Amino acid sequence: MYKKICRAELKWPSWFSSDIRKLLRRLLHPNPSARISITEIMEHPWFRTGLDERLFDYAVNSTENVMPVDMNLALDYLNANTVESNQAIEKLINLNVFDIISLSDGFDLSGIFEENSDKTETKFTSTSTASTIVTKLEEIATSLRLKVAKKGGGLLNMESSKQGRKGVMSIDAEVFHITQNFHLVEIKKTNGDTLEYQKVMKQGMRPALKDIVWAWQGEQPEKEKQQS
């Protein structure tokens, strides 16, 4: 992998346009002096696609060359591009490339230390927005008669209302930001009986989450399963 990075050897997804491929080749050029500059990026056709030219010029020009801007237009633009409106999930933890690589099955060493019957956490990816994911988790928790508490930053705590064999079962679900339209969700038992937790996951959580799950960790994406 390191050698490929040094040589800038890349494989592009088929849906990448020629413009973005050219831009990324220059951005990831192994020679720093040959890489594209910020100014060139901002002038690139792909970067400027969809931008309101008046607002763009207003942002990059100096205060000496400020041009009149319709404030209503500016506010509409900002509102239309707001990623999340819910304050409870506006500060999601961002995953970097090393976090994402560590999620690969080849780097998952949990199997060495615990049997499947002892699993107390699971992860899935989703193309839904963070607010949609959180709302879905709240709905599921309510249907399973679990008490829900938001802790901010995309973290939810779900707790059983009854004592189990090993105390009150408690589950944390946390949403992590990968891209605007791609999130990782980690669900793990924080207290209580493992068998009770696994039963809730198998019979309640997993089936109910089907609509928003792209793929469970270690499994194929749902769309690929249907095609195979």
C-alpha atoms as a PDB file:
ATOM      1  CA  MET A   1       0.000   0.000   0.000  1.00  0.00           C
ATOM      2  CA  TYR A   2       2.841   2.401   0.887  1.00  0.00           C
ATOM      3  CA  LYS A   3       4.538   1.829  -2.490  1.00  0.00           C
ATOM      4  CA  LYS A   4       1.296   2.473  -4.335  1.00  0.00           C
ATOM      5  CA  ILE A   5       0.795   5.701  -2.385  1.00  0.00           C
ATOM      6  CA  CYS A   6       4.323   6.836  -3.272  1.00  0.00           C
ATOM      7  CA  ARG A   7       3.697   6.069  -6.952  1.00  0.00           C
ATOM      8  CA  ALA A   8       0.209   7.604  -6.800  1.00  0.00           C
ATOM      9  CA  GLU A   9      -1.286   4.399  -8.185  1.00  0.00           C
ATOM     10  CA  LEU A  10      -5.034   4.775  -7.964  1.00  0.00           C
ATOM     11  CA  LYS A  11      -8.102   2.869  -9.061  1.00  0.00           C
ATOM     12  CA  TRP A  12     -11.133   5.042  -9.682  1.00  0.00           C
ATOM     13  CA  PRO A  13     -14.739   4.039  -9.109  1.00  0.00           C
ATOM     14  CA  SER A  14     -16.540   3.797 -12.459  1.00  0.00           C
ATOM     15  CA  TRP A  15     -18.836   6.671 -11.523  1.00  0.00           C
ATOM     16  CA  PHE A  16     -15.972   9.180 -11.122  1.00  0.00           C
ATOM     17  CA  SER A  17     -16.099  11.739 -13.949  1.00  0.00           C
ATOM     18  CA  SER A  18     -13.018  12.522 -16.047  1.00  0.00           C
ATOM     19  CA  ASP A  19     -12.875  16.010 -14.481  1.00  0.00           C
ATOM     20  CA  ILE A  20     -12.647  14.722 -10.917  1.00  0.00           C
ATOM     21  CA  ARG A  21     -10.078  12.082 -11.942  1.00  0.00           C
ATOM     22  CA  LYS A  22      -7.826  14.759 -13.455  1.00  0.00           C
ATOM     23  CA  LEU A  23      -8.251  16.955 -10.389  1.00  0.00           C
ATOM     24  CA  LEU A  24      -7.419  14.131  -7.963  1.00  0.00           C
ATOM     25  CA  ARG A  25      -4.366  13.052 -10.001  1.00  0.00           C
ATOM     26  CA  ARG A  26      -2.938  16.547  -9.632  1.00  0.00           C
ATOM     27  CA  LEU A  27      -3.994  16.796  -5.995  1.00  0.00           C
ATOM     28  CA  LEU A  28      -2.325  13.466  -5.111  1.00  0.00           C
ATOM     29  CA  HIS A  29       0.795  13.914  -7.240  1.00  0.00           C
ATOM     30  CA  PRO A  30       3.773  12.331  -5.401  1.00  0.00           C
ATOM     31  CA  ASN A  31       5.909  15.413  -6.136  1.00  0.00           C
ATOM     32  CA  PRO A  32       4.700  18.233  -3.838  1.00  0.00           C
ATOM     33  CA  SER A  33       5.962  20.954  -6.197  1.00  0.00           C
ATOM     34  CA  ALA A  34       3.849  19.525  -9.020  1.00  0.00           C
ATOM     35  CA  ARG A  35       0.611  19.356  -7.052  1.00  0.00           C
ATOM     36  CA  ILE A  36      -2.306  21.603  -7.884  1.00  0.00           C
ATOM     37  CA  SER A  37      -2.522  24.836  -5.891  1.00  0.00           C
ATOM     38  CA  ILE A  38      -5.526  26.043  -3.887  1.00  0.00           C
ATOM     39  CA  THR A  39      -6.080  28.808  -6.447  1.00  0.00           C
ATOM     40  CA  GLU A  40      -6.099  26.285  -9.301  1.00  0.00           C
ATOM     41  CA  ILE A  41      -8.506  24.029  -7.399  1.00  0.00           C
ATOM     42  CA  MET A  42     -10.897  26.935  -6.913  1.00  0.00           C
ATOM     43  CA  GLU A  43     -10.780  27.680 -10.646  1.00  0.00           C
ATOM     44  CA  HIS A  44     -11.285  24.040 -11.655  1.00  0.00           C
ATOM     45  CA  PRO A  45     -14.580  23.386 -13.544  1.00  0.00           C
ATOM     46  CA  TRP A  46     -15.495  20.465 -11.272  1.00  0.00           C
ATOM     47  CA  PHE A  47     -14.991  22.546  -8.109  1.00  0.00           C
ATOM     48  CA  ARG A  48     -17.116  25.403  -9.448  1.00  0.00           C
ATOM     49  CA  THR A  49     -20.020  23.196 -10.547  1.00  0.00           C
ATOM     50  CA  GLY A  50     -23.168  24.228  -8.698  1.00  0.00           C
ATOM     51  CA  LEU A  51     -21.582  27.279  -7.075  1.00  0.00           C
ATOM     52  CA  ASP A  52     -23.412  30.591  -7.073  1.00  0.00           C
ATOM     53  CA  GLU A  53     -20.844  32.743  -8.901  1.00  0.00           C
ATOM     54  CA  ARG A  54     -21.809  35.955  -7.096  1.00  0.00           C
ATOM     55  CA  LEU A  55     -21.372  34.385  -3.663  1.00  0.00           C
ATOM     56  CA  PHE A  56     -18.168  32.654  -4.747  1.00  0.00           C
ATOM     57  CA  ASP A  57     -16.628  35.904  -5.995  1.00  0.00           C
ATOM     58  CA  TYR A  58     -17.750  37.663  -2.825  1.00  0.00           C
ATOM     59  CA  ALA A  59     -15.995  35.044  -0.684  1.00  0.00           C
ATOM     60  CA  VAL A  60     -12.649  35.106  -2.513  1.00  0.00           C
ATOM     61  CA  ASN A  61     -12.314  38.809  -3.307  1.00  0.00           C
ATOM     62  CA  SER A  62     -10.613  41.187  -0.883  1.00  0.00           C
ATOM     63  CA  THR A  63     -12.669  43.650   1.134  1.00  0.00           C
ATOM     64  CA  GLU A  64     -11.483  46.408  -1.212  1.00  0.00           C
ATOM     65  CA  ASN A  65     -13.272  44.763  -4.110  1.00  0.00           C
ATOM     66  CA  VAL A  66     -16.473  43.711  -2.375  1.00  0.00           C
ATOM     67  CA  MET A  67     -19.377  43.523  -4.788  1.00  0.00           C
ATOM     68  CA  PRO A  68     -23.041  44.012  -3.820  1.00  0.00           C
ATOM     69  CA  VAL A  69     -24.634  40.769  -2.661  1.00  0.00           C
ATOM     70  CA  ASP A  70     -28.300  40.004  -2.160  1.00  0.00           C
ATOM     71  CA  MET A  71     -28.417  38.988   1.531  1.00  0.00           C
ATOM     72  CA  ASN A  72     -31.607  36.994   1.027  1.00  0.00           C
ATOM     73  CA  LEU A  73     -29.822  35.011  -1.669  1.00  0.00           C
ATOM     74  CA  ALA A  74     -26.877  34.457   0.656  1.00  0.00           C
ATOM     75  CA  LEU A  75     -29.113  33.219   3.476  1.00  0.00           C
ATOM     76  CA  ASP A  76     -31.029  30.922   1.121  1.00  0.00           C
ATOM     77  CA  TYR A  77     -27.720  29.510  -0.101  1.00  0.00           C
ATOM     78  CA  LEU A  78     -26.472  28.850   3.414  1.00  0.00           C
ATOM     79  CA  ASN A  79     -29.742  27.268   4.507  1.00  0.00           C
ATOM     80  CA  ALA A  80     -29.827  25.028   1.446  1.00  0.00           C
ATOM     81  CA  ASN A  81     -26.330  23.768   2.198  1.00  0.00           C
ATOM     82  CA  THR A  82     -26.713  23.168   5.919  1.00  0.00           C
ATOM     83  CA  VAL A  83     -25.603  19.620   6.599  1.00  0.00           C
ATOM     84  CA  GLU A  84     -27.544  19.111   9.834  1.00  0.00           C
ATOM     85  CA  SER A  85     -30.099  21.274  11.607  1.00  0.00           C
ATOM     86  CA  ASN A  86     -30.385  19.212  14.762  1.00  0.00           C
ATOM     87  CA  GLN A  87     -28.113  20.678  17.456  1.00  0.00           C
ATOM     88  CA  ALA A  88     -27.890  17.342  19.257  1.00  0.00           C
ATOM     89  CA  ILE A  89     -25.958  15.792  16.358  1.00  0.00           C
ATOM     90  CA  GLU A  90     -24.143  18.774  14.873  1.00  0.00           C
ATOM     91  CA  LYS A  91     -20.761  17.753  16.318  1.00  0.00           C
ATOM     92  CA  LEU A  92     -20.286  14.232  15.015  1.00  0.00           C
ATOM     93  CA  ILE A  93     -16.852  12.661  15.324  1.00  0.00           C
ATOM     94  CA  ASN A  94     -15.102  12.585  11.940  1.00  0.00           C
ATOM     95  CA  LEU A  95     -13.317   9.371  10.990  1.00  0.00           C
ATOM     96  CA  ASN A  96      -9.967   9.727   9.222  1.00  0.00           C
ATOM     97  CA  VAL A  97      -8.489   7.314   6.683  1.00  0.00           C
ATOM     98  CA  PHE A  98      -6.737   5.264   9.380  1.00  0.00           C
ATOM     99  CA  ASP A  99     -10.003   4.807  11.298  1.00  0.00           C
ATOM    100  CA  ILE A 100     -11.670   3.613   8.109  1.00  0.00           C
ATOM    101  CA  ILE A 101      -8.822   1.222   7.209  1.00  0.00           C
ATOM    102  CA  SER A 102      -8.995  -0.266  10.715  1.00  0.00           C
ATOM    103  CA  LEU A 103     -12.612  -1.262  10.029  1.00  0.00           C
ATOM    104  CA  SER A 104     -11.463  -3.662   7.316  1.00  0.00           C
ATOM    105  CA  ASP A 105     -12.016  -7.331   8.170  1.00  0.00           C
ATOM    106  CA  GLY A 106      -8.297  -7.961   7.738  1.00  0.00           C
ATOM    107  CA  PHE A 107      -7.538  -5.555  10.588  1.00  0.00           C
ATOM    108  CA  ASP A 108     -10.313  -6.744  12.893  1.00  0.00           C
ATOM    109  CA  LEU A 109      -8.572  -8.791  15.593  1.00  0.00           C
ATOM    110  CA  SER A 110     -11.601  -9.166  17.854  1.00  0.00           C
ATOM    111  CA  GLY A 111     -12.079 -12.764  16.726  1.00  0.00           C
ATOM    112  CA  ILE A 112      -8.791 -13.679  18.401  1.00  0.00           C
ATOM    113  CA  PHE A 113     -10.022 -12.523  21.784  1.00  0.00           C
ATOM    114  CA  GLU A 114     -13.734 -13.329  21.834  1.00  0.00           C
ATOM    115  CA  GLU A 115     -16.133 -15.914  20.470  1.00  0.00           C
ATOM    116  CA  ASN A 116     -19.182 -14.904  18.426  1.00  0.00           C
ATOM    117  CA  SER A 117     -21.346 -15.773  21.421  1.00  0.00           C
ATOM    118  CA  ASP A 118     -19.507 -13.105  23.451  1.00  0.00           C
ATOM    119  CA  LYS A 119     -19.886 -10.246  20.960  1.00  0.00           C
ATOM    120  CA  THR A 120     -20.971  -7.076  22.706  1.00  0.00           C
ATOM    121  CA  GLU A 121     -20.713  -4.585  19.860  1.00  0.00           C
ATOM    122  CA  THR A 122     -21.466  -4.296  16.173  1.00  0.00           C
ATOM    123  CA  LYS A 123     -21.085  -1.684  13.447  1.00  0.00           C
ATOM    124  CA  PHE A 124     -22.885  -0.774  10.248  1.00  0.00           C
ATOM    125  CA  THR A 125     -22.581   1.859   7.545  1.00  0.00           C
ATOM    126  CA  SER A 126     -25.434   3.928   6.177  1.00  0.00           C
ATOM    127  CA  THR A 127     -26.041   6.364   3.325  1.00  0.00           C
ATOM    128  CA  SER A 128     -28.781   8.067   5.350  1.00  0.00           C
ATOM    129  CA  THR A 129     -28.241  11.425   7.048  1.00  0.00           C
ATOM    130  CA  ALA A 130     -27.190  11.507  10.691  1.00  0.00           C
ATOM    131  CA  SER A 131     -30.552  12.960  11.725  1.00  0.00           C
ATOM    132  CA  THR A 132     -32.386  10.145   9.917  1.00  0.00           C
ATOM    133  CA  ILE A 133     -30.215   7.519  11.623  1.00  0.00           C
ATOM    134  CA  VAL A 134     -30.727   9.018  15.084  1.00  0.00           C
ATOM    135  CA  THR A 135     -34.488   9.310  14.555  1.00  0.00           C
ATOM    136  CA  LYS A 136     -34.647   5.681  13.405  1.00  0.00           C
ATOM    137  CA  LEU A 137     -32.705   4.486  16.449  1.00  0.00           C
ATOM    138  CA  GLU A 138     -35.035   6.434  18.744  1.00  0.00           C
ATOM    139  CA  GLU A 139     -38.103   4.899  17.083  1.00  0.00           C
ATOM    140  CA  ILE A 140     -36.688   1.390  17.412  1.00  0.00           C
ATOM    141  CA  ALA A 141     -35.731   1.926  21.048  1.00  0.00           C
ATOM    142  CA  THR A 142     -39.250   3.150  21.823  1.00  0.00           C
ATOM    143  CA  SER A 143     -40.795   0.124  20.100  1.00  0.00           C
ATOM    144  CA  LEU A 144     -38.523  -2.141  22.169  1.00  0.00           C
ATOM    145  CA  ARG A 145     -39.544  -0.285  25.348  1.00  0.00           C
ATOM    146  CA  LEU A 146     -36.069   1.058  25.947  1.00  0.00           C
ATOM    147  CA  LYS A 147     -35.494   4.423  27.594  1.00  0.00           C
ATOM    148  CA  VAL A 148     -33.553   6.785  25.322  1.00  0.00           C
ATOM    149  CA  ALA A 149     -31.157   9.547  26.366  1.00  0.00           C
ATOM    150  CA  LYS A 150     -29.283  11.780  23.913  1.00  0.00           C
ATOM    151  CA  LYS A 151     -25.742  12.558  25.010  1.00  0.00           C
ATOM    152  CA  GLY A 152     -24.821  14.873  22.132  1.00  0.00           C
ATOM    153  CA  GLY A 153     -22.336  14.359  19.324  1.00  0.00           C
ATOM    154  CA  GLY A 154     -24.454  11.631  17.747  1.00  0.00           C
ATOM    155  CA  LEU A 155     -24.395   9.433  20.864  1.00  0.00           C
ATOM    156  CA  LEU A 156     -27.559   7.751  22.144  1.00  0.00           C
ATOM    157  CA  ASN A 157     -27.980   5.658  25.266  1.00  0.00           C
ATOM    158  CA  MET A 158     -30.753   3.055  25.310  1.00  0.00           C
ATOM    159  CA  GLU A 159     -31.618   1.396  28.593  1.00  0.00           C
ATOM    160  CA  SER A 160     -33.967  -1.380  29.614  1.00  0.00           C
ATOM    161  CA  SER A 161     -36.687  -0.445  32.093  1.00  0.00           C
ATOM    162  CA  LYS A 162     -36.330  -3.786  33.885  1.00  0.00           C
ATOM    163  CA  GLN A 163     -33.541  -5.491  35.769  1.00  0.00           C
ATOM    164  CA  GLY A 164     -31.942  -8.365  33.884  1.00  0.00           C
ATOM    165  CA  ARG A 165     -29.768 -11.228  35.073  1.00  0.00           C
ATOM    166  CA  LYS A 166     -26.796  -8.896  35.396  1.00  0.00           C
ATOM    167  CA  GLY A 167     -28.487  -5.617  36.134  1.00  0.00           C
ATOM    168  CA  VAL A 168     -30.094  -3.128  33.767  1.00  0.00           C
ATOM    169  CA  MET A 169     -29.132  -3.681  30.140  1.00  0.00           C
ATOM    170  CA  SER A 170     -27.666  -0.524  28.613  1.00  0.00           C
ATOM    171  CA  ILE A 171     -26.744   0.037  24.960  1.00  0.00           C
ATOM    172  CA  ASP A 172     -24.845   2.937  23.402  1.00  0.00           C
ATOM    173  CA  ALA A 173     -25.289   3.803  19.719  1.00  0.00           C
ATOM    174  CA  GLU A 174     -22.915   6.374  18.233  1.00  0.00           C
ATOM    175  CA  VAL A 175     -22.979   7.911  14.752  1.00  0.00           C
ATOM    176  CA  PHE A 176     -19.627   8.791  13.134  1.00  0.00           C
ATOM    177  CA  HIS A 177     -19.197  11.075  10.127  1.00  0.00           C
ATOM    178  CA  ILE A 178     -17.307   9.697   7.108  1.00  0.00           C
ATOM    179  CA  THR A 179     -18.779  11.920   4.391  1.00  0.00           C
ATOM    180  CA  GLN A 180     -21.891  14.074   4.173  1.00  0.00           C
ATOM    181  CA  ASN A 181     -23.884  11.126   2.840  1.00  0.00           C
ATOM    182  CA  PHE A 182     -22.053   8.218   4.467  1.00  0.00           C
ATOM    183  CA  HIS A 183     -21.951   7.404   8.177  1.00  0.00           C
ATOM    184  CA  LEU A 184     -20.697   4.659  10.461  1.00  0.00           C
ATOM    185  CA  VAL A 185     -22.837   3.579  13.400  1.00  0.00           C
ATOM    186  CA  GLU A 186     -21.391   1.671  16.355  1.00  0.00           C
ATOM    187  CA  ILE A 187     -23.778  -0.155  18.687  1.00  0.00           C
ATOM    188  CA  LYS A 188     -22.378  -1.706  21.852  1.00  0.00           C
ATOM    189  CA  LYS A 189     -23.513  -3.065  25.185  1.00  0.00           C
ATOM    190  CA  THR A 190     -22.330  -0.927  28.083  1.00  0.00           C
ATOM    191  CA  ASN A 191     -24.044  -2.797  30.912  1.00  0.00           C
ATOM    192  CA  GLY A 192     -26.125  -5.874  31.611  1.00  0.00           C
ATOM    193  CA  ASP A 193     -26.338  -9.405  30.281  1.00  0.00           C
ATOM    194  CA  THR A 194     -24.659 -10.213  26.954  1.00  0.00           C
ATOM    195  CA  LEU A 195     -27.268 -12.798  25.929  1.00  0.00           C
ATOM    196  CA  GLU A 196     -30.052 -10.296  26.573  1.00  0.00           C
ATOM    197  CA  TYR A 197     -28.209  -7.715  24.459  1.00  0.00           C
ATOM    198  CA  GLN A 198     -27.676 -10.177  21.613  1.00  0.00           C
ATOM    199  CA  LYS A 199     -31.346 -11.152  21.655  1.00  0.00           C
ATOM    200  CA  VAL A 200     -32.379  -7.494  21.385  1.00  0.00           C
ATOM    201  CA  MET A 201     -29.953  -7.005  18.487  1.00  0.00           C
ATOM    202  CA  LYS A 202     -30.934 -10.146  16.586  1.00  0.00           C
ATOM    203  CA  GLN A 203     -34.700  -9.991  17.047  1.00  0.00           C
ATOM    204  CA  GLY A 204     -35.263  -6.255  17.381  1.00  0.00           C
ATOM    205  CA  MET A 205     -32.530  -3.892  16.235  1.00  0.00           C
ATOM    206  CA  ARG A 206     -31.115  -5.554  13.128  1.00  0.00           C
ATOM    207  CA  PRO A 207     -34.452  -6.304  11.414  1.00  0.00           C
ATOM    208  CA  ALA A 208     -35.772  -2.815  12.199  1.00  0.00           C
ATOM    209  CA  LEU A 209     -32.605  -1.103  10.916  1.00  0.00           C
ATOM    210  CA  LYS A 210     -32.755  -2.851   7.545  1.00  0.00           C
ATOM    211  CA  ASP A 211     -34.134   0.212   5.732  1.00  0.00           C
ATOM    212  CA  ILE A 212     -31.158   2.438   6.568  1.00  0.00           C
ATOM    213  CA  VAL A 213     -28.270  -0.061   6.668  1.00  0.00           C
ATOM    214  CA  TRP A 214     -25.822  -0.057   3.762  1.00  0.00           C
ATOM    215  CA  ALA A 215     -23.761  -2.920   5.203  1.00  0.00           C
ATOM    216  CA  TRP A 216     -23.042  -4.548   8.543  1.00  0.00           C
ATOM    217  CA  GLN A 217     -19.348  -4.864   9.361  1.00  0.00           C
ATOM    218  CA  GLY A 218     -18.006  -8.114   7.934  1.00  0.00           C
ATOM    219  CA  GLU A 219     -20.991  -8.556   5.603  1.00  0.00           C
ATOM    220  CA  GLN A 220     -21.759  -7.614   2.011  1.00  0.00           C
ATOM    221  CA  PRO A 221     -23.852  -4.495   1.316  1.00  0.00           C
ATOM    222  CA  GLU A 222     -27.566  -5.301   1.054  1.00  0.00           C
ATOM    223  CA  LYS A 223     -27.680  -4.362  -2.651  1.00  0.00           C
ATOM    224  CA  GLU A 224     -24.835  -6.765  -3.472  1.00  0.00           C
ATOM    225  CA  LYS A 225     -26.589  -9.545  -1.536  1.00  0.00           C
ATOM    226  CA  GLN A 226     -29.714  -9.050  -3.626  1.00  0.00           C
ATOM    227  CA  GLN A 227     -27.735  -9.121  -6.891  1.00  0.00           C
ATOM    228  CA  SER A 228     -25.727 -12.243  -6.016  1.00  0.00           C
END
